Structure formats: structure tokens, C-alpha cells
Amino acid sequence: MKVPLLFGIFGSAFCATLSHYYAEIRPFVTSISLLKTLDDMVLQRSDALVKVHPFDPAAVPNFAKGLKNQLPPTCPRSLHESETIQLMV
């Protein structure tokens, strides 16, 4: 049985906000004393940063397009025919 290697494509990176990305680099930023002002400025705007998604979910190329015979029969027809897929709403 042939199993397609599609696991992991639905990672949280597509759903992450700018706030999530800053949380990842914040330990580095706060380790440099000259960047304390930058950290304070970003934290003051965290309410706005949680609303910004750098990736447009509707613009993600459809990795499964044309794989009709390699996907499970329960897979919706639209998945292997559309140009893009939406990973979050």
C-alpha cells in the first residue's frame, strides 16, 4: 500500500500571528540590553500583533492538486482540483 507523505504540512506556522513569532525570538531580544526599548515597544502593541497573520491562508498553494489517485477515496474532490487551499478560517 502506497501512503502519501503529507503529514506535517498543516503545521501551526500558517496560523501563527506576529505575536507568536515575536515570542519565539524574544529570549534573544531580551538578552541584549540595547534592545530593551524594542522589547517594551513590541509588548505594548501585543493586542495588535495577535491580529496580524503574515501568511494569507487562502493563498497557500495546494500541495495535493493532481494527486487524485494517491489520496484516500474519502478525500474531497475539491482538494485535488483547486489551485489553493485554506488552512485556517
PDB file of N, CA and C in Angstrom:
ATOM      1  N   MET A   1       0.840  -1.183   0.000  1.00  0.00           N
ATOM      2  CA  MET A   1       0.000   0.000   0.000  1.00  0.00           C
ATOM      3  C   MET A   1       0.886   1.247   0.000  1.00  0.00           C
ATOM      4  N   LYS A   2       0.605   2.155  -0.878  1.00  0.00           N
ATOM      5  CA  LYS A   2       1.366   3.395  -1.003  1.00  0.00           C
ATOM      6  C   LYS A   2       0.725   4.472  -0.133  1.00  0.00           C
ATOM      7  N   VAL A   3       1.481   5.042   0.806  1.00  0.00           N
ATOM      8  CA  VAL A   3       0.958   6.079   1.693  1.00  0.00           C
ATOM      9  C   VAL A   3       1.641   7.402   1.332  1.00  0.00           C
ATOM     10  N   PRO A   4       0.863   8.427   0.959  1.00  0.00           N
ATOM     11  CA  PRO A   4       1.482   9.710   0.617  1.00  0.00           C
ATOM     12  C   PRO A   4       2.092  10.378   1.838  1.00  0.00           C
ATOM     13  N   LEU A   5       3.184  11.059   1.642  1.00  0.00           N
ATOM     14  CA  LEU A   5       3.869  11.744   2.736  1.00  0.00           C
ATOM     15  C   LEU A   5       3.337  13.166   2.867  1.00  0.00           C
ATOM     16  N   LEU A   6       2.142  13.296   3.398  1.00  0.00           N
ATOM     17  CA  LEU A   6       1.502  14.586   3.545  1.00  0.00           C
ATOM     18  C   LEU A   6       1.475  15.068   4.990  1.00  0.00           C
ATOM     19  N   PHE A   7       1.946  14.240   5.882  1.00  0.00           N
ATOM     20  CA  PHE A   7       1.879  14.582   7.297  1.00  0.00           C
ATOM     21  C   PHE A   7       2.784  15.768   7.605  1.00  0.00           C
ATOM     22  N   GLY A   8       2.319  16.667   8.440  1.00  0.00           N
ATOM     23  CA  GLY A   8       3.113  17.794   8.870  1.00  0.00           C
ATOM     24  C   GLY A   8       2.902  19.068   8.081  1.00  0.00           C
ATOM     25  N   ILE A   9       2.203  19.003   6.977  1.00  0.00           N
ATOM     26  CA  ILE A   9       2.000  20.208   6.169  1.00  0.00           C
ATOM     27  C   ILE A   9       1.039  21.170   6.860  1.00  0.00           C
ATOM     28  N   PHE A  10       0.190  20.680   7.716  1.00  0.00           N
ATOM     29  CA  PHE A  10      -0.771  21.519   8.418  1.00  0.00           C
ATOM     30  C   PHE A  10      -0.197  21.988   9.743  1.00  0.00           C
ATOM     31  N   GLY A  11       1.017  22.483   9.722  1.00  0.00           N
ATOM     32  CA  GLY A  11       1.678  22.958  10.918  1.00  0.00           C
ATOM     33  C   GLY A  11       1.119  24.287  11.388  1.00  0.00           C
ATOM     34  N   SER A  12       1.476  24.652  12.586  1.00  0.00           N
ATOM     35  CA  SER A  12       0.940  25.878  13.168  1.00  0.00           C
ATOM     36  C   SER A  12       1.560  27.146  12.581  1.00  0.00           C
ATOM     37  N   ALA A  13       2.608  27.035  11.777  1.00  0.00           N
ATOM     38  CA  ALA A  13       3.224  28.239  11.204  1.00  0.00           C
ATOM     39  C   ALA A  13       2.229  29.038  10.375  1.00  0.00           C
ATOM     40  N   PHE A  14       1.305  28.360   9.719  1.00  0.00           N
ATOM     41  CA  PHE A  14       0.322  29.063   8.902  1.00  0.00           C
ATOM     42  C   PHE A  14      -0.689  29.819   9.761  1.00  0.00           C
ATOM     43  N   CYS A  15      -0.860  29.402  10.989  1.00  0.00           N
ATOM     44  CA  CYS A  15      -1.828  30.044  11.887  1.00  0.00           C
ATOM     45  C   CYS A  15      -1.174  31.047  12.830  1.00  0.00           C
ATOM     46  N   ALA A  16       0.131  31.090  12.850  1.00  0.00           N
ATOM     47  CA  ALA A  16       0.834  31.949  13.795  1.00  0.00           C
ATOM     48  C   ALA A  16       0.640  33.427  13.467  1.00  0.00           C
ATOM     49  N   THR A  17       0.540  34.208  14.515  1.00  0.00           N
ATOM     50  CA  THR A  17       0.433  35.663  14.369  1.00  0.00           C
ATOM     51  C   THR A  17       1.809  36.273  14.578  1.00  0.00           C
ATOM     52  N   LEU A  18       1.920  37.577  14.332  1.00  0.00           N
ATOM     53  CA  LEU A  18       3.193  38.249  14.598  1.00  0.00           C
ATOM     54  C   LEU A  18       3.568  38.143  16.071  1.00  0.00           C
ATOM     55  N   SER A  19       2.581  38.103  16.937  1.00  0.00           N
ATOM     56  CA  SER A  19       2.837  37.936  18.362  1.00  0.00           C
ATOM     57  C   SER A  19       3.512  36.593  18.644  1.00  0.00           C
ATOM     58  N   HIS A  20       3.060  35.538  17.973  1.00  0.00           N
ATOM     59  CA  HIS A  20       3.672  34.216  18.138  1.00  0.00           C
ATOM     60  C   HIS A  20       5.127  34.221  17.667  1.00  0.00           C
ATOM     61  N   TYR A  21       5.359  34.861  16.524  1.00  0.00           N
ATOM     62  CA  TYR A  21       6.728  34.910  16.006  1.00  0.00           C
ATOM     63  C   TYR A  21       7.642  35.694  16.942  1.00  0.00           C
ATOM     64  N   TYR A  22       7.135  36.794  17.497  1.00  0.00           N
ATOM     65  CA  TYR A  22       7.964  37.572  18.426  1.00  0.00           C
ATOM     66  C   TYR A  22       8.268  36.765  19.688  1.00  0.00           C
ATOM     67  N   ALA A  23       7.311  35.997  20.152  1.00  0.00           N
ATOM     68  CA  ALA A  23       7.539  35.171  21.343  1.00  0.00           C
ATOM     69  C   ALA A  23       8.696  34.193  21.123  1.00  0.00           C
ATOM     70  N   GLU A  24       8.875  33.756  19.880  1.00  0.00           N
ATOM     71  CA  GLU A  24       9.970  32.833  19.569  1.00  0.00           C
ATOM     72  C   GLU A  24      11.333  33.511  19.643  1.00  0.00           C
ATOM     73  N   ILE A  25      11.417  34.774  19.235  1.00  0.00           N
ATOM     74  CA  ILE A  25      12.719  35.455  19.226  1.00  0.00           C
ATOM     75  C   ILE A  25      12.937  36.336  20.454  1.00  0.00           C
ATOM     76  N   ARG A  26      11.922  36.469  21.292  1.00  0.00           N
ATOM     77  CA  ARG A  26      12.027  37.360  22.449  1.00  0.00           C
ATOM     78  C   ARG A  26      13.187  37.013  23.382  1.00  0.00           C
ATOM     79  N   PRO A  27      13.481  35.735  23.660  1.00  0.00           N
ATOM     80  CA  PRO A  27      14.629  35.443  24.528  1.00  0.00           C
ATOM     81  C   PRO A  27      15.936  36.048  23.983  1.00  0.00           C
ATOM     82  N   PHE A  28      16.113  36.040  22.685  1.00  0.00           N
ATOM     83  CA  PHE A  28      17.297  36.661  22.089  1.00  0.00           C
ATOM     84  C   PHE A  28      17.259  38.176  22.245  1.00  0.00           C
ATOM     85  N   VAL A  29      16.108  38.773  21.945  1.00  0.00           N
ATOM     86  CA  VAL A  29      15.978  40.230  22.026  1.00  0.00           C
ATOM     87  C   VAL A  29      16.229  40.715  23.448  1.00  0.00           C
ATOM     88  N   THR A  30      15.663  40.049  24.417  1.00  0.00           N
ATOM     89  CA  THR A  30      15.818  40.490  25.807  1.00  0.00           C
ATOM     90  C   THR A  30      17.208  40.194  26.366  1.00  0.00           C
ATOM     91  N   SER A  31      17.968  39.358  25.705  1.00  0.00           N
ATOM     92  CA  SER A  31      19.332  39.070  26.168  1.00  0.00           C
ATOM     93  C   SER A  31      20.310  40.187  25.813  1.00  0.00           C
ATOM     94  N   ILE A  32      19.889  41.100  24.951  1.00  0.00           N
ATOM     95  CA  ILE A  32      20.731  42.222  24.544  1.00  0.00           C
ATOM     96  C   ILE A  32      20.155  43.494  25.165  1.00  0.00           C
ATOM     97  N   SER A  33      20.886  44.081  26.082  1.00  0.00           N
ATOM     98  CA  SER A  33      20.362  45.221  26.830  1.00  0.00           C
ATOM     99  C   SER A  33      19.984  46.402  25.940  1.00  0.00           C
ATOM    100  N   LEU A  34      20.648  46.590  24.822  1.00  0.00           N
ATOM    101  CA  LEU A  34      20.327  47.701  23.925  1.00  0.00           C
ATOM    102  C   LEU A  34      18.949  47.545  23.258  1.00  0.00           C
ATOM    103  N   LEU A  35      18.408  46.341  23.271  1.00  0.00           N
ATOM    104  CA  LEU A  35      17.122  46.095  22.627  1.00  0.00           C
ATOM    105  C   LEU A  35      15.946  46.129  23.601  1.00  0.00           C
ATOM    106  N   LYS A  36      16.184  46.534  24.828  1.00  0.00           N
ATOM    107  CA  LYS A  36      15.118  46.596  25.837  1.00  0.00           C
ATOM    108  C   LYS A  36      13.983  47.516  25.386  1.00  0.00           C
ATOM    109  N   THR A  37      14.306  48.649  24.777  1.00  0.00           N
ATOM    110  CA  THR A  37      13.284  49.584  24.294  1.00  0.00           C
ATOM    111  C   THR A  37      12.431  48.929  23.211  1.00  0.00           C
ATOM    112  N   LEU A  38      13.084  48.182  22.323  1.00  0.00           N
ATOM    113  CA  LEU A  38      12.352  47.474  21.271  1.00  0.00           C
ATOM    114  C   LEU A  38      11.382  46.467  21.880  1.00  0.00           C
ATOM    115  N   ASP A  39      11.854  45.739  22.877  1.00  0.00           N
ATOM    116  CA  ASP A  39      11.003  44.752  23.542  1.00  0.00           C
ATOM    117  C   ASP A  39       9.794  45.424  24.189  1.00  0.00           C
ATOM    118  N   ASP A  40      10.017  46.526  24.881  1.00  0.00           N
ATOM    119  CA  ASP A  40       8.914  47.254  25.516  1.00  0.00           C
ATOM    120  C   ASP A  40       7.899  47.732  24.472  1.00  0.00           C
ATOM    121  N   MET A  41       8.411  48.235  23.355  1.00  0.00           N
ATOM    122  CA  MET A  41       7.540  48.737  22.295  1.00  0.00           C
ATOM    123  C   MET A  41       6.682  47.608  21.701  1.00  0.00           C
ATOM    124  N   VAL A  42       7.280  46.471  21.470  1.00  0.00           N
ATOM    125  CA  VAL A  42       6.542  45.333  20.903  1.00  0.00           C
ATOM    126  C   VAL A  42       5.500  44.840  21.900  1.00  0.00           C
ATOM    127  N   LEU A  43       5.867  44.719  23.160  1.00  0.00           N
ATOM    128  CA  LEU A  43       4.922  44.232  24.171  1.00  0.00           C
ATOM    129  C   LEU A  43       3.731  45.176  24.348  1.00  0.00           C
ATOM    130  N   GLN A  44       3.949  46.471  24.191  1.00  0.00           N
ATOM    131  CA  GLN A  44       2.846  47.435  24.292  1.00  0.00           C
ATOM    132  C   GLN A  44       1.851  47.272  23.146  1.00  0.00           C
ATOM    133  N   ARG A  45       2.290  46.718  22.056  1.00  0.00           N
ATOM    134  CA  ARG A  45       1.422  46.550  20.879  1.00  0.00           C
ATOM    135  C   ARG A  45       0.978  45.102  20.685  1.00  0.00           C
ATOM    136  N   SER A  46       1.091  44.288  21.702  1.00  0.00           N
ATOM    137  CA  SER A  46       0.774  42.870  21.557  1.00  0.00           C
ATOM    138  C   SER A  46      -0.692  42.620  21.179  1.00  0.00           C
ATOM    139  N   ASP A  47      -1.607  43.496  21.619  1.00  0.00           N
ATOM    140  CA  ASP A  47      -3.013  43.333  21.232  1.00  0.00           C
ATOM    141  C   ASP A  47      -3.190  43.453  19.722  1.00  0.00           C
ATOM    142  N   ALA A  48      -2.419  44.325  19.106  1.00  0.00           N
ATOM    143  CA  ALA A  48      -2.490  44.487  17.652  1.00  0.00           C
ATOM    144  C   ALA A  48      -1.765  43.348  16.939  1.00  0.00           C
ATOM    145  N   LEU A  49      -0.666  42.873  17.512  1.00  0.00           N
ATOM    146  CA  LEU A  49       0.130  41.834  16.854  1.00  0.00           C
ATOM    147  C   LEU A  49      -0.570  40.483  16.810  1.00  0.00           C
ATOM    148  N   VAL A  50      -1.500  40.229  17.730  1.00  0.00           N
ATOM    149  CA  VAL A  50      -2.206  38.942  17.699  1.00  0.00           C
ATOM    150  C   VAL A  50      -3.234  38.892  16.574  1.00  0.00           C
ATOM    151  N   LYS A  51      -3.484  40.018  15.934  1.00  0.00           N
ATOM    152  CA  LYS A  51      -4.466  40.070  14.841  1.00  0.00           C
ATOM    153  C   LYS A  51      -3.824  39.976  13.465  1.00  0.00           C
ATOM    154  N   VAL A  52      -2.494  40.030  13.408  1.00  0.00           N
ATOM    155  CA  VAL A  52      -1.802  40.046  12.118  1.00  0.00           C
ATOM    156  C   VAL A  52      -1.227  38.670  11.817  1.00  0.00           C
ATOM    157  N   HIS A  53      -1.649  38.102  10.699  1.00  0.00           N
ATOM    158  CA  HIS A  53      -1.133  36.822  10.222  1.00  0.00           C
ATOM    159  C   HIS A  53      -0.285  37.090   8.982  1.00  0.00           C
ATOM    160  N   PRO A  54       1.033  36.821   9.048  1.00  0.00           N
ATOM    161  CA  PRO A  54       1.893  37.111   7.904  1.00  0.00           C
ATOM    162  C   PRO A  54       1.565  36.287   6.661  1.00  0.00           C
ATOM    163  N   PHE A  55       0.961  35.137   6.837  1.00  0.00           N
ATOM    164  CA  PHE A  55       0.610  34.288   5.702  1.00  0.00           C
ATOM    165  C   PHE A  55      -0.873  34.406   5.419  1.00  0.00           C
ATOM    166  N   ASP A  56      -1.237  34.636   4.186  1.00  0.00           N
ATOM    167  CA  ASP A  56      -2.636  34.642   3.792  1.00  0.00           C
ATOM    168  C   ASP A  56      -3.056  33.195   3.594  1.00  0.00           C
ATOM    169  N   PRO A  57      -3.917  32.662   4.460  1.00  0.00           N
ATOM    170  CA  PRO A  57      -4.242  31.234   4.366  1.00  0.00           C
ATOM    171  C   PRO A  57      -4.888  30.846   3.050  1.00  0.00           C
ATOM    172  N   ALA A  58      -5.597  31.745   2.412  1.00  0.00           N
ATOM    173  CA  ALA A  58      -6.245  31.409   1.151  1.00  0.00           C
ATOM    174  C   ALA A  58      -5.253  31.359  -0.005  1.00  0.00           C
ATOM    175  N   ALA A  59      -4.027  31.834   0.194  1.00  0.00           N
ATOM    176  CA  ALA A  59      -3.035  31.891  -0.873  1.00  0.00           C
ATOM    177  C   ALA A  59      -2.019  30.755  -0.808  1.00  0.00           C
ATOM    178  N   VAL A  60      -2.234  29.791   0.049  1.00  0.00           N
ATOM    179  CA  VAL A  60      -1.305  28.678   0.166  1.00  0.00           C
ATOM    180  C   VAL A  60      -1.497  27.749  -1.027  1.00  0.00           C
ATOM    181  N   PRO A  61      -0.433  27.492  -1.789  1.00  0.00           N
ATOM    182  CA  PRO A  61      -0.564  26.593  -2.943  1.00  0.00           C
ATOM    183  C   PRO A  61      -1.040  25.206  -2.501  1.00  0.00           C
ATOM    184  N   ASN A  62      -1.879  24.615  -3.292  1.00  0.00           N
ATOM    185  CA  ASN A  62      -2.430  23.299  -2.984  1.00  0.00           C
ATOM    186  C   ASN A  62      -1.412  22.214  -3.331  1.00  0.00           C
ATOM    187  N   PHE A  63      -0.800  21.650  -2.309  1.00  0.00           N
ATOM    188  CA  PHE A  63       0.199  20.599  -2.498  1.00  0.00           C
ATOM    189  C   PHE A  63      -0.404  19.305  -3.020  1.00  0.00           C
ATOM    190  N   ALA A  64      -1.708  19.136  -2.890  1.00  0.00           N
ATOM    191  CA  ALA A  64      -2.362  17.890  -3.270  1.00  0.00           C
ATOM    192  C   ALA A  64      -3.002  17.933  -4.661  1.00  0.00           C
ATOM    193  N   LYS A  65      -2.885  19.057  -5.343  1.00  0.00           N
ATOM    194  CA  LYS A  65      -3.506  19.170  -6.667  1.00  0.00           C
ATOM    195  C   LYS A  65      -2.899  18.127  -7.610  1.00  0.00           C
ATOM    196  N   GLY A  66      -3.771  17.409  -8.275  1.00  0.00           N
ATOM    197  CA  GLY A  66      -3.330  16.392  -9.220  1.00  0.00           C
ATOM    198  C   GLY A  66      -2.961  15.055  -8.596  1.00  0.00           C
ATOM    199  N   LEU A  67      -3.178  14.900  -7.303  1.00  0.00           N
ATOM    200  CA  LEU A  67      -2.832  13.637  -6.629  1.00  0.00           C
ATOM    201  C   LEU A  67      -4.055  12.753  -6.402  1.00  0.00           C
ATOM    202  N   LYS A  68      -5.055  12.882  -7.222  1.00  0.00           N
ATOM    203  CA  LYS A  68      -6.324  12.172  -7.025  1.00  0.00           C
ATOM    204  C   LYS A  68      -6.126  10.677  -6.764  1.00  0.00           C
ATOM    205  N   ASN A  69      -5.304  10.015  -7.546  1.00  0.00           N
ATOM    206  CA  ASN A  69      -5.127   8.564  -7.396  1.00  0.00           C
ATOM    207  C   ASN A  69      -4.235   8.181  -6.227  1.00  0.00           C
ATOM    208  N   GLN A  70      -3.603   9.144  -5.593  1.00  0.00           N
ATOM    209  CA  GLN A  70      -2.719   8.850  -4.474  1.00  0.00           C
ATOM    210  C   GLN A  70      -3.317   9.240  -3.124  1.00  0.00           C
ATOM    211  N   LEU A  71      -4.494   9.857  -3.133  1.00  0.00           N
ATOM    212  CA  LEU A  71      -5.158  10.254  -1.899  1.00  0.00           C
ATOM    213  C   LEU A  71      -6.239   9.246  -1.543  1.00  0.00           C
ATOM    214  N   PRO A  72      -6.606   9.164  -0.276  1.00  0.00           N
ATOM    215  CA  PRO A  72      -7.667   8.231   0.125  1.00  0.00           C
ATOM    216  C   PRO A  72      -8.978   8.557  -0.603  1.00  0.00           C
ATOM    217  N   PRO A  73      -9.811   7.561  -0.851  1.00  0.00           N
ATOM    218  CA  PRO A  73     -11.077   7.800  -1.560  1.00  0.00           C
ATOM    219  C   PRO A  73     -12.024   8.732  -0.812  1.00  0.00           C
ATOM    220  N   THR A  74     -11.834   8.900   0.484  1.00  0.00           N
ATOM    221  CA  THR A  74     -12.687   9.802   1.265  1.00  0.00           C
ATOM    222  C   THR A  74     -12.278  11.266   1.131  1.00  0.00           C
ATOM    223  N   CYS A  75     -11.175  11.518   0.473  1.00  0.00           N
ATOM    224  CA  CYS A  75     -10.685  12.878   0.288  1.00  0.00           C
ATOM    225  C   CYS A  75     -11.650  13.665  -0.596  1.00  0.00           C
ATOM    226  N   PRO A  76     -12.034  14.879  -0.195  1.00  0.00           N
ATOM    227  CA  PRO A  76     -12.958  15.663  -1.013  1.00  0.00           C
ATOM    228  C   PRO A  76     -12.370  15.960  -2.393  1.00  0.00           C
ATOM    229  N   ARG A  77     -13.205  15.906  -3.392  1.00  0.00           N
ATOM    230  CA  ARG A  77     -12.777  16.141  -4.772  1.00  0.00           C
ATOM    231  C   ARG A  77     -12.128  17.519  -4.928  1.00  0.00           C
ATOM    232  N   SER A  78     -12.643  18.496  -4.199  1.00  0.00           N
ATOM    233  CA  SER A  78     -12.126  19.865  -4.309  1.00  0.00           C
ATOM    234  C   SER A  78     -10.655  19.956  -3.910  1.00  0.00           C
ATOM    235  N   LEU A  79     -10.184  19.067  -3.032  1.00  0.00           N
ATOM    236  CA  LEU A  79      -8.799  19.125  -2.586  1.00  0.00           C
ATOM    237  C   LEU A  79      -7.819  18.846  -3.718  1.00  0.00           C
ATOM    238  N   HIS A  80      -8.126  17.924  -4.586  1.00  0.00           N
ATOM    239  CA  HIS A  80      -7.173  17.618  -5.649  1.00  0.00           C
ATOM    240  C   HIS A  80      -7.475  18.356  -6.948  1.00  0.00           C
ATOM    241  N   GLU A  81      -8.404  19.323  -6.913  1.00  0.00           N
ATOM    242  CA  GLU A  81      -8.710  20.112  -8.102  1.00  0.00           C
ATOM    243  C   GLU A  81      -8.422  21.608  -7.949  1.00  0.00           C
ATOM    244  N   SER A  82      -8.455  22.141  -6.728  1.00  0.00           N
ATOM    245  CA  SER A  82      -8.302  23.588  -6.546  1.00  0.00           C
ATOM    246  C   SER A  82      -6.825  23.999  -6.563  1.00  0.00           C
ATOM    247  N   GLU A  83      -6.594  25.246  -6.982  1.00  0.00           N
ATOM    248  CA  GLU A  83      -5.235  25.796  -7.052  1.00  0.00           C
ATOM    249  C   GLU A  83      -4.662  26.100  -5.667  1.00  0.00           C
ATOM    250  N   THR A  84      -5.514  26.520  -4.736  1.00  0.00           N
ATOM    251  CA  THR A  84      -5.082  26.879  -3.381  1.00  0.00           C
ATOM    252  C   THR A  84      -5.934  26.155  -2.364  1.00  0.00           C
ATOM    253  N   ILE A  85      -5.422  26.094  -1.138  1.00  0.00           N
ATOM    254  CA  ILE A  85      -6.212  25.539  -0.033  1.00  0.00           C
ATOM    255  C   ILE A  85      -6.189  26.534   1.110  1.00  0.00           C
ATOM    256  N   GLN A  86      -7.210  26.455   1.937  1.00  0.00           N
ATOM    257  CA  GLN A  86      -7.321  27.336   3.097  1.00  0.00           C
ATOM    258  C   GLN A  86      -7.041  26.497   4.336  1.00  0.00           C
ATOM    259  N   LEU A  87      -6.009  26.890   5.071  1.00  0.00           N
ATOM    260  CA  LEU A  87      -5.594  26.117   6.231  1.00  0.00           C
ATOM    261  C   LEU A  87      -6.199  26.613   7.532  1.00  0.00           C
ATOM    262  N   MET A  88      -6.789  27.804   7.512  1.00  0.00           N
ATOM    263  CA  MET A  88      -7.443  28.338   8.699  1.00  0.00           C
ATOM    264  C   MET A  88      -8.531  29.290   8.262  1.00  0.00           C
ATOM    265  N   VAL A  89      -9.491  29.513   9.107  1.00  0.00           N
ATOM    266  CA  VAL A  89     -10.571  30.468   8.800  1.00  0.00           C
ATOM    267  C   VAL A  89     -10.683  31.495   9.878  1.00  0.00           C
TER     268      VAL A  89
END
